[in-house]
Protein backbone atom coordinates (compact mmCIF):
# COMPACT_ATOMS: atom_id res chain seq x y z
CA MET A 1 -4.65 -8.01 19.31
CA THR A 2 -3.59 -7.40 22.92
CA GLN A 3 -0.90 -10.05 22.84
CA ASP A 4 0.40 -8.75 19.52
CA THR A 5 0.58 -5.09 20.59
CA GLU A 6 4.25 -5.29 21.56
CA VAL A 7 5.06 -6.93 18.23
CA TRP A 8 3.43 -4.06 16.34
CA LYS A 9 5.16 -1.43 18.50
CA GLN A 10 8.62 -2.96 18.20
CA MET A 11 8.40 -3.57 14.46
CA PHE A 12 7.10 -0.05 13.83
CA GLN A 13 9.90 1.56 15.83
CA GLU A 14 12.52 -0.54 14.04
CA LEU A 15 11.19 0.56 10.66
CA MET A 16 11.11 4.22 11.70
CA ARG A 17 14.66 4.05 13.04
CA GLU A 18 15.83 2.86 9.63
CA VAL A 19 14.57 6.00 7.91
CA LYS A 20 14.59 8.59 10.76
CA PRO A 21 17.03 7.38 13.44
CA TRP A 22 17.12 10.73 15.27
CA HIS A 23 13.36 11.13 15.56
CA ARG A 24 11.15 9.42 18.12
CA TRP A 25 7.93 7.77 16.97
CA THR A 26 5.49 5.76 19.09
CA LEU A 27 2.51 3.57 18.23
CA ARG A 28 -0.35 2.61 20.53
CA PRO A 29 -3.80 1.01 20.07
CA ASP A 30 -6.91 3.17 20.48
CA LYS A 31 -10.35 1.57 20.12
CA GLY A 32 -11.95 5.01 20.07
CA LEU A 33 -10.57 6.01 16.67
CA ILE A 34 -13.18 6.84 14.04
CA PRO A 35 -12.39 7.08 10.31
CA ASN A 36 -12.30 10.63 8.95
CA ILE A 37 -12.77 12.19 12.41
CA LEU A 38 -9.40 13.81 13.08
CA LYS A 39 -8.03 16.21 15.65
CA PRO A 40 -6.25 19.34 14.32
CA GLY A 41 -2.82 18.47 12.96
CA TRP A 42 -3.54 14.75 12.67
CA MET A 43 -3.51 12.72 9.45
CA GLN A 44 -5.16 9.42 8.55
CA TYR A 45 -4.11 6.21 6.85
CA GLN A 46 -6.29 3.12 6.58
CA GLN A 47 -5.74 -0.25 5.00
CA TRP A 48 -7.79 -3.37 4.34
CA THR A 49 -5.94 -6.60 4.87
CA PHE A 50 -6.21 -10.36 5.40
CA ALA A 51 -6.53 -11.94 8.88
CA ARG A 52 -7.98 -14.91 10.73
CA PHE A 53 -10.49 -15.01 13.58
CA GLN A 54 -11.50 -17.52 16.26
CA CYS A 55 -14.76 -17.43 18.18
CA SER A 56 -14.23 -17.43 21.95
CA SER A 57 -17.60 -19.18 22.46
CA CYS A 58 -17.62 -22.07 19.96
CA SER A 59 -13.94 -22.02 18.84
CA ARG A 60 -15.02 -21.69 15.21
CA ASN A 61 -12.33 -20.30 12.86
CA TRP A 62 -12.82 -18.10 9.85
CA ALA A 63 -10.79 -15.78 7.65
CA SER A 64 -11.47 -12.42 6.02
CA ALA A 65 -9.70 -10.46 3.32
CA GLN A 66 -11.41 -7.18 4.30
CA VAL A 67 -10.18 -6.43 7.81
CA LEU A 68 -9.90 -2.68 8.34
CA VAL A 69 -6.82 -1.29 10.09
CA LEU A 70 -7.04 2.44 10.86
CA PHE A 71 -4.15 4.76 11.74
CA HIS A 72 -4.16 8.37 12.92
CA MET A 73 -0.73 10.00 12.96
CA HIS A 74 0.70 13.28 14.23
CA TRP A 75 4.16 14.80 13.75
CA SER A 76 5.68 17.58 15.89
CA GLU A 77 8.61 19.12 14.05
CA GLU A 78 9.57 21.27 17.07
CA LYS A 79 9.96 18.25 19.34
CA SER A 80 11.14 15.87 16.59
CA ARG A 81 8.52 13.48 17.88
CA GLY A 82 5.64 11.66 16.24
CA GLN A 83 2.83 9.44 17.44
CA VAL A 84 0.51 6.98 15.78
CA LYS A 85 -2.80 5.67 17.10
CA MET A 86 -4.10 2.41 15.68
CA ARG A 87 -7.47 0.70 15.64
CA VAL A 88 -8.07 -2.78 14.26
CA PHE A 89 -11.75 -3.47 13.55
CA THR A 90 -13.16 -6.74 14.81
CA GLN A 91 -15.60 -9.38 13.52
CA ARG A 92 -17.98 -11.81 15.23
CA CYS A 93 -19.00 -15.41 14.61
CA LYS A 94 -22.05 -15.89 12.38
CA LYS A 95 -22.93 -19.25 13.95
CA CYS A 96 -23.34 -18.29 17.62
CA PRO A 97 -26.63 -16.76 18.88
CA GLN A 98 -24.92 -14.05 20.97
CA PRO A 99 -21.39 -13.81 19.60
CA LEU A 100 -18.69 -11.50 20.84
CA PHE A 101 -16.55 -9.35 18.58
CA GLU A 102 -13.18 -11.04 18.18
CA ASP A 103 -9.79 -9.48 17.45
CA PRO A 104 -8.10 -10.62 14.22
CA GLU A 105 -4.92 -12.66 14.14
CA PHE A 106 -2.34 -11.46 11.62
CA THR A 107 0.64 -13.29 10.20
CA GLN A 108 4.06 -11.81 10.91
CA GLU A 109 4.45 -11.16 7.19
CA ASN A 110 1.26 -9.12 6.93
CA ILE A 111 2.07 -7.12 10.07
CA SER A 112 5.37 -6.21 8.44
CA ARG A 113 3.66 -5.21 5.21
CA ILE A 114 1.00 -3.10 6.94
CA LEU A 115 3.68 -1.23 8.90
CA LYS A 116 5.90 -0.75 5.84
CA ASN A 117 2.96 0.93 4.12
CA LEU A 118 2.31 3.03 7.23
CA VAL A 119 5.95 4.17 7.43
CA PHE A 120 5.96 5.04 3.75
CA ARG A 121 2.79 7.12 4.24
CA ILE A 122 4.36 8.89 7.24
CA MET A 123 7.49 9.73 5.23
CA LYS A 124 5.38 11.02 2.37
CA LYS A 125 2.94 13.12 4.43
CA CYS A 126 5.07 14.27 7.36
CA TYR A 127 8.48 14.66 5.73
CA ARG A 128 7.42 15.19 2.12
CA GLY A 129 10.37 13.23 0.79
CA ARG A 130 10.76 11.33 -2.46
CA PHE A 131 11.04 7.57 -2.30
CA GLN A 132 11.56 4.65 -4.63
CA LEU A 133 8.45 2.91 -3.36
CA THR A 134 5.50 4.30 -5.36
CA GLU A 135 2.84 1.72 -4.55
CA GLU A 136 1.63 0.06 -1.40
CA VAL A 137 2.94 -3.40 -0.60
CA PRO A 138 0.02 -5.83 -1.09
CA MET A 139 -1.13 -8.08 1.72
CA ILE A 140 -0.89 -11.88 1.48
CA LYS A 141 -3.83 -14.26 1.68
CA ASP A 142 -2.82 -17.79 2.70
CA MET A 143 -6.07 -19.43 1.61
CA SER A 144 -8.76 -18.98 -1.01
CA LEU A 145 -11.99 -17.38 0.19
CA GLU A 146 -15.45 -17.98 -1.20
CA GLY A 147 -18.62 -15.95 -0.88
CA PRO A 148 -19.23 -12.25 -0.18
CA HIS A 149 -17.92 -10.28 2.77
CA ASN A 150 -20.07 -10.94 5.88
CA SER A 151 -21.01 -7.33 6.56
CA ASP A 152 -23.63 -8.29 9.21
CA ASN A 153 -20.86 -9.44 11.55
CA CYS A 154 -18.15 -6.94 10.63
CA GLU A 155 -17.60 -4.13 13.14
CA ALA A 156 -16.45 -1.68 10.45
CA CYS A 157 -19.53 -2.32 8.30
CA LEU A 158 -21.94 -2.13 11.25
CA GLU A 159 -20.49 1.25 12.25
CA GLY A 160 -20.86 2.55 8.70
CA PHE A 161 -17.26 2.16 7.55
CA CYS A 162 -17.92 -0.50 4.96
CA ALA A 163 -14.92 -2.52 3.82
CA GLY A 164 -13.14 -0.74 0.99
CA PRO A 165 -10.91 -1.81 -1.90
CA LYS A 166 -9.26 -5.19 -1.61
CA GLN A 167 -5.50 -5.01 -1.26
CA VAL A 168 -4.93 -8.70 -0.66
CA THR A 169 -2.90 -10.83 -3.04
CA SER A 170 -3.52 -14.55 -3.32
CA LEU A 171 -0.29 -16.35 -4.20
CA PRO A 172 0.92 -19.95 -4.28
CA GLN A 173 2.55 -21.06 -1.05
CA SER A 174 5.86 -21.61 -2.87
CA GLN A 175 5.97 -18.06 -4.19
CA THR A 176 7.29 -15.34 -1.95
CA PRO A 177 6.12 -11.86 -3.00
CA ARG A 178 8.63 -9.08 -3.23
CA VAL A 179 8.76 -6.63 -0.34
CA TYR A 180 10.15 -3.27 -1.38
CA SER A 181 12.40 -1.36 0.97
CA ILE A 182 11.64 2.25 1.82
CA CYS A 183 14.61 4.20 0.49
CA LYS A 184 14.82 7.95 0.08
CA VAL A 185 15.78 9.16 -3.38
CA GLU A 186 18.18 12.07 -3.50
CA GLU A 187 16.49 15.24 -4.69
CA GLY A 188 16.98 15.81 -8.41
CA VAL A 189 18.16 12.24 -9.00
CA GLU A 190 15.76 9.77 -10.54
CA PRO A 191 15.94 6.03 -9.78
CA TRP A 192 17.95 3.96 -12.25
CA ALA A 193 14.85 2.23 -13.57
CA SER A 194 13.28 5.59 -14.43
CA ARG A 195 16.39 6.84 -16.22
CA LYS A 196 16.60 3.62 -18.22
CA ASN A 197 12.97 3.94 -19.30
CA VAL A 198 13.51 7.54 -20.37
CA CYS A 199 16.58 6.60 -22.43
CA SER A 200 14.69 3.77 -24.11
CA TYR A 201 11.77 6.07 -24.90
CA THR A 202 14.12 8.72 -26.37
CA LEU A 203 15.88 6.14 -28.56
CA GLN A 204 12.57 4.86 -29.89
CA ASN A 205 11.48 8.40 -30.76
CA HIS A 206 14.77 9.03 -32.57
CA ILE A 207 14.42 5.85 -34.65
CA CYS A 208 10.81 6.66 -35.56
CA ARG A 209 11.78 10.19 -36.59
CA SER A 210 14.61 8.91 -38.80
CA VAL A 211 12.34 6.37 -40.50
CA SER A 212 9.73 9.06 -41.18
CA ILE A 213 12.31 11.38 -42.75
CA PHE A 214 13.64 8.55 -44.94
CA CYS A 215 10.13 7.67 -46.17
CA CYS A 216 9.42 11.31 -47.01
CA CYS A 217 12.66 11.53 -49.03
CA VAL A 218 11.82 8.36 -50.97
CA ILE A 219 8.33 9.64 -51.79
CA LEU A 220 9.76 13.00 -52.91
CA ILE A 221 12.27 11.31 -55.20
CA VAL A 222 9.52 9.15 -56.75
CA ILE A 223 7.40 12.23 -57.42
CA VAL A 224 10.33 14.08 -59.02
CA VAL A 225 11.06 11.10 -61.28
CA ILE A 226 7.41 10.80 -62.34
CA VAL A 227 7.20 14.55 -63.09
CA ALA A 228 10.46 14.44 -65.08
CA ARG A 229 9.30 11.52 -67.23
CA THR A 230 5.97 13.18 -67.86
CA ALA A 231 7.73 16.36 -69.02
CA ILE A 232 9.89 14.38 -71.48
């Protein structure tokens, strides 16, 4: 994680500059962060993702789809400045007798996706804007995993923050999942897809109403004819 810190910082600042170019945001690692323990004015975002590990003792490699990444974020409107603290929970080798907790290794793609989700959450909580992106971007798993999560060697589980819902998508290598951009939607203007769905729904309702009226008229005519013949 240490060698990747600059990658996380640079990518995060680039994403924030795209949506808030005049505001300054910083990101830094903090191994002391604890889930749901927040200072006044701070907000939390956490995500479970896919990553690989390597034991520093025996060089064994393994992968996990339930790696917890925790963020605490704070926004100062007066200073137009925000800060994010990040903690990535570690895992240890299950083969070694006295294993050390190892930092996970993320792909560039998953780092980008984690930070896109973080930026979207910042925009939603700190700026209360409306955006086209309504769901989190799923993480990518580059190999199939078998067996249950190894909670005995997971730092998050051992500290009582058991791995949560899986947000990892397993896709064929040839298929590239779609990454949504974070775009603000002008207030009072719905995205084109939403307007199209509304129009389609309205048209369907209109057709159904017309068919119902026609059926009622036919039934009424049949009843009138039957009554008239009976009277004759």
